[in-house]
Amino acid sequence: QVHLEESGGGLVQPGGSLTLSCAASGRSVSRWGLGWFRQAPGKEGEDHVSVAGIGYNGGNIYYQEALKDRFTISKDNDKNTVYLQMPKVKPEETAVYYCAGTPLPPATAWDGYDYWGQGIQVTVSS
């Protein structure tokens, strides 16, 4: 069993930066696919939107097309943690952000993962 826990969320001003962390416990996820998703307010009945994913040894990286030149996903295998750097954030990026993990290569779909964190709120507002 793997437990994923997000941290680093909160309130940030438009144009500011935030780095989310997701620490895994229960087993090593160094060879796993890990991903970030988000769900905007009022969208609870809709699919979680893929943000980015990363695979074994930091390969197989993907980003949502609109974010690929701004967000950065990375992982630290020694800390069993995956990160999402979010510079120059925008109000429309206010959402609950989730990390997810799978023993397989990273997927772009929410149901392509086997474990999910509880989510963490990111609010972009002045």
C-alpha atoms as a PDB file:
ATOM      1  CA  GLN A   1       0.000   0.000   0.000  1.00  0.00           C
ATOM      2  CA  VAL A   2       1.272   3.455  -0.890  1.00  0.00           C
ATOM      3  CA  HIS A   3       0.266   6.683   0.808  1.00  0.00           C
ATOM      4  CA  LEU A   4       0.695   9.965  -1.062  1.00  0.00           C
ATOM      5  CA  GLU A   5       0.573  13.284   0.744  1.00  0.00           C
ATOM      6  CA  GLU A   6       0.672  16.678  -0.914  1.00  0.00           C
ATOM      7  CA  SER A   7       2.077  19.818   0.685  1.00  0.00           C
ATOM      8  CA  GLY A   8       3.072  23.332  -0.283  1.00  0.00           C
ATOM      9  CA  GLY A   9      -0.309  24.680  -1.308  1.00  0.00           C
ATOM     10  CA  GLY A  10      -1.986  27.836  -0.099  1.00  0.00           C
ATOM     11  CA  LEU A  11      -2.715  31.376  -1.167  1.00  0.00           C
ATOM     12  CA  VAL A  12      -0.447  33.006  -3.731  1.00  0.00           C
ATOM     13  CA  GLN A  13      -0.770  36.268  -5.626  1.00  0.00           C
ATOM     14  CA  PRO A  14      -1.153  36.299  -9.404  1.00  0.00           C
ATOM     15  CA  GLY A  15       2.278  36.168 -10.979  1.00  0.00           C
ATOM     16  CA  GLY A  16       3.755  34.548  -7.893  1.00  0.00           C
ATOM     17  CA  SER A  17       5.360  31.137  -7.561  1.00  0.00           C
ATOM     18  CA  LEU A  18       4.524  27.982  -5.694  1.00  0.00           C
ATOM     19  CA  THR A  19       6.121  24.555  -5.434  1.00  0.00           C
ATOM     20  CA  LEU A  20       3.976  21.587  -4.538  1.00  0.00           C
ATOM     21  CA  SER A  21       5.473  18.450  -3.033  1.00  0.00           C
ATOM     22  CA  CYS A  22       4.066  14.952  -2.853  1.00  0.00           C
ATOM     23  CA  ALA A  23       5.755  12.567  -0.458  1.00  0.00           C
ATOM     24  CA  ALA A  24       5.170   8.853  -0.866  1.00  0.00           C
ATOM     25  CA  SER A  25       5.316   6.368   1.996  1.00  0.00           C
ATOM     26  CA  GLY A  26       4.815   2.644   2.238  1.00  0.00           C
ATOM     27  CA  ARG A  27       7.251   1.711  -0.503  1.00  0.00           C
ATOM     28  CA  SER A  28       9.717   3.256  -2.906  1.00  0.00           C
ATOM     29  CA  VAL A  29       8.149   4.937  -5.924  1.00  0.00           C
ATOM     30  CA  SER A  30      11.456   5.521  -7.700  1.00  0.00           C
ATOM     31  CA  ARG A  31      10.418   3.260 -10.574  1.00  0.00           C
ATOM     32  CA  TRP A  32       6.809   4.443 -10.641  1.00  0.00           C
ATOM     33  CA  GLY A  33       4.894   6.824 -12.840  1.00  0.00           C
ATOM     34  CA  LEU A  34       3.837   9.875 -10.825  1.00  0.00           C
ATOM     35  CA  GLY A  35       1.449  12.574 -11.927  1.00  0.00           C
ATOM     36  CA  TRP A  36      -0.207  15.825 -10.918  1.00  0.00           C
ATOM     37  CA  PHE A  37      -3.853  16.638 -11.573  1.00  0.00           C
ATOM     38  CA  ARG A  38      -6.114  19.500 -10.610  1.00  0.00           C
ATOM     39  CA  GLN A  39      -9.790  20.147 -10.183  1.00  0.00           C
ATOM     40  CA  ALA A  40     -11.086  23.690 -10.299  1.00  0.00           C
ATOM     41  CA  PRO A  41     -13.862  24.974  -7.992  1.00  0.00           C
ATOM     42  CA  GLY A  42     -17.317  24.087  -9.206  1.00  0.00           C
ATOM     43  CA  LYS A  43     -15.913  21.249 -11.326  1.00  0.00           C
ATOM     44  CA  GLU A  44     -16.236  18.526  -8.713  1.00  0.00           C
ATOM     45  CA  GLY A  45     -18.446  16.436 -10.987  1.00  0.00           C
ATOM     46  CA  GLU A  46     -15.980  16.575 -13.848  1.00  0.00           C
ATOM     47  CA  ASP A  47     -12.778  14.702 -14.615  1.00  0.00           C
ATOM     48  CA  HIS A  48      -9.606  15.716 -12.881  1.00  0.00           C
ATOM     49  CA  VAL A  49      -7.444  17.631 -15.348  1.00  0.00           C
ATOM     50  CA  SER A  50      -3.971  16.311 -16.046  1.00  0.00           C
ATOM     51  CA  VAL A  51      -1.177  18.779 -15.287  1.00  0.00           C
ATOM     52  CA  ALA A  52       2.057  16.796 -15.635  1.00  0.00           C
ATOM     53  CA  GLY A  53       3.598  13.370 -15.175  1.00  0.00           C
ATOM     54  CA  ILE A  54       7.030  11.820 -14.749  1.00  0.00           C
ATOM     55  CA  GLY A  55       8.312   8.293 -15.039  1.00  0.00           C
ATOM     56  CA  TYR A  56      11.155   6.055 -14.029  1.00  0.00           C
ATOM     57  CA  ASN A  57      14.411   7.892 -13.416  1.00  0.00           C
ATOM     58  CA  GLY A  58      12.844  11.199 -14.379  1.00  0.00           C
ATOM     59  CA  GLY A  59      11.998  10.181 -17.940  1.00  0.00           C
ATOM     60  CA  ASN A  60       8.666   9.995 -19.782  1.00  0.00           C
ATOM     61  CA  ILE A  61       7.813  13.522 -18.726  1.00  0.00           C
ATOM     62  CA  TYR A  62       4.615  15.022 -20.081  1.00  0.00           C
ATOM     63  CA  TYR A  63       2.783  18.300 -19.497  1.00  0.00           C
ATOM     64  CA  GLN A  64      -0.600  19.654 -20.292  1.00  0.00           C
ATOM     65  CA  GLU A  65       0.098  21.462 -23.559  1.00  0.00           C
ATOM     66  CA  ALA A  66      -0.759  24.896 -22.170  1.00  0.00           C
ATOM     67  CA  LEU A  67       1.625  24.459 -19.222  1.00  0.00           C
ATOM     68  CA  LYS A  68       4.679  22.853 -20.787  1.00  0.00           C
ATOM     69  CA  ASP A  69       6.673  26.076 -21.043  1.00  0.00           C
ATOM     70  CA  ARG A  70       5.953  27.193 -17.499  1.00  0.00           C
ATOM     71  CA  PHE A  71       5.437  24.370 -14.978  1.00  0.00           C
ATOM     72  CA  THR A  72       8.182  21.887 -14.099  1.00  0.00           C
ATOM     73  CA  ILE A  73       7.725  18.405 -12.663  1.00  0.00           C
ATOM     74  CA  SER A  74      10.632  16.657 -10.975  1.00  0.00           C
ATOM     75  CA  LYS A  75      11.294  13.872  -8.534  1.00  0.00           C
ATOM     76  CA  ASP A  76      13.799  13.062  -5.806  1.00  0.00           C
ATOM     77  CA  ASN A  77      14.094   9.311  -5.467  1.00  0.00           C
ATOM     78  CA  ASP A  78      16.093   9.567  -2.251  1.00  0.00           C
ATOM     79  CA  LYS A  79      13.218  11.482  -0.658  1.00  0.00           C
ATOM     80  CA  ASN A  80      10.523   9.438  -2.426  1.00  0.00           C
ATOM     81  CA  THR A  81       8.971  12.747  -3.433  1.00  0.00           C
ATOM     82  CA  VAL A  82       7.656  14.351  -6.596  1.00  0.00           C
ATOM     83  CA  TYR A  83       7.467  18.119  -7.067  1.00  0.00           C
ATOM     84  CA  LEU A  84       5.564  20.565  -9.219  1.00  0.00           C
ATOM     85  CA  GLN A  85       7.085  24.004  -9.676  1.00  0.00           C
ATOM     86  CA  MET A  86       4.455  26.566 -10.602  1.00  0.00           C
ATOM     87  CA  PRO A  87       5.886  29.975 -11.515  1.00  0.00           C
ATOM     88  CA  LYS A  88       3.843  32.955 -12.690  1.00  0.00           C
ATOM     89  CA  VAL A  89       0.566  31.460 -11.521  1.00  0.00           C
ATOM     90  CA  LYS A  90      -2.775  32.746 -12.787  1.00  0.00           C
ATOM     91  CA  PRO A  91      -6.139  33.136 -11.011  1.00  0.00           C
ATOM     92  CA  GLU A  92      -7.688  30.507 -13.290  1.00  0.00           C
ATOM     93  CA  GLU A  93      -5.207  27.999 -11.890  1.00  0.00           C
ATOM     94  CA  THR A  94      -6.989  28.069  -8.557  1.00  0.00           C
ATOM     95  CA  ALA A  95      -7.835  24.438  -7.881  1.00  0.00           C
ATOM     96  CA  VAL A  96      -7.318  21.445  -5.667  1.00  0.00           C
ATOM     97  CA  TYR A  97      -4.118  19.774  -6.836  1.00  0.00           C
ATOM     98  CA  TYR A  98      -3.662  16.035  -6.499  1.00  0.00           C
ATOM     99  CA  CYS A  99      -0.694  13.749  -6.981  1.00  0.00           C
ATOM    100  CA  ALA A 100      -1.112  10.212  -8.211  1.00  0.00           C
ATOM    101  CA  GLY A 101       1.086   7.139  -8.586  1.00  0.00           C
ATOM    102  CA  THR A 102       1.236   3.911 -10.552  1.00  0.00           C
ATOM    103  CA  PRO A 103       3.816   1.120 -10.926  1.00  0.00           C
ATOM    104  CA  LEU A 104       3.412   1.634 -14.677  1.00  0.00           C
ATOM    105  CA  PRO A 105       4.654   4.533 -16.839  1.00  0.00           C
ATOM    106  CA  PRO A 106       2.864   7.833 -16.131  1.00  0.00           C
ATOM    107  CA  ALA A 107      -0.605   8.213 -17.614  1.00  0.00           C
ATOM    108  CA  THR A 108      -2.482  11.332 -18.659  1.00  0.00           C
ATOM    109  CA  ALA A 109      -5.799  10.041 -17.330  1.00  0.00           C
ATOM    110  CA  TRP A 110      -6.864  10.079 -13.689  1.00  0.00           C
ATOM    111  CA  ASP A 111      -7.918   6.432 -13.805  1.00  0.00           C
ATOM    112  CA  GLY A 112      -4.541   5.473 -15.218  1.00  0.00           C
ATOM    113  CA  TYR A 113      -3.183   5.623 -11.673  1.00  0.00           C
ATOM    114  CA  ASP A 114      -3.603   3.336  -8.719  1.00  0.00           C
ATOM    115  CA  TYR A 115      -2.995   5.655  -5.785  1.00  0.00           C
ATOM    116  CA  TRP A 116      -3.998   9.263  -5.206  1.00  0.00           C
ATOM    117  CA  GLY A 117      -3.340  11.858  -2.548  1.00  0.00           C
ATOM    118  CA  GLN A 118      -6.103  13.723  -0.709  1.00  0.00           C
ATOM    119  CA  GLY A 119      -5.395  16.890  -2.636  1.00  0.00           C
ATOM    120  CA  ILE A 120      -4.224  20.329  -1.585  1.00  0.00           C
ATOM    121  CA  GLN A 121      -5.814  23.699  -2.221  1.00  0.00           C
ATOM    122  CA  VAL A 122      -4.014  26.282  -4.328  1.00  0.00           C
ATOM    123  CA  THR A 123      -5.674  29.687  -4.465  1.00  0.00           C
ATOM    124  CA  VAL A 124      -4.328  32.360  -6.792  1.00  0.00           C
ATOM    125  CA  SER A 125      -5.750  35.696  -5.754  1.00  0.00           C
ATOM    126  CA  SER A 126      -4.718  39.196  -4.819  1.00  0.00           C
END
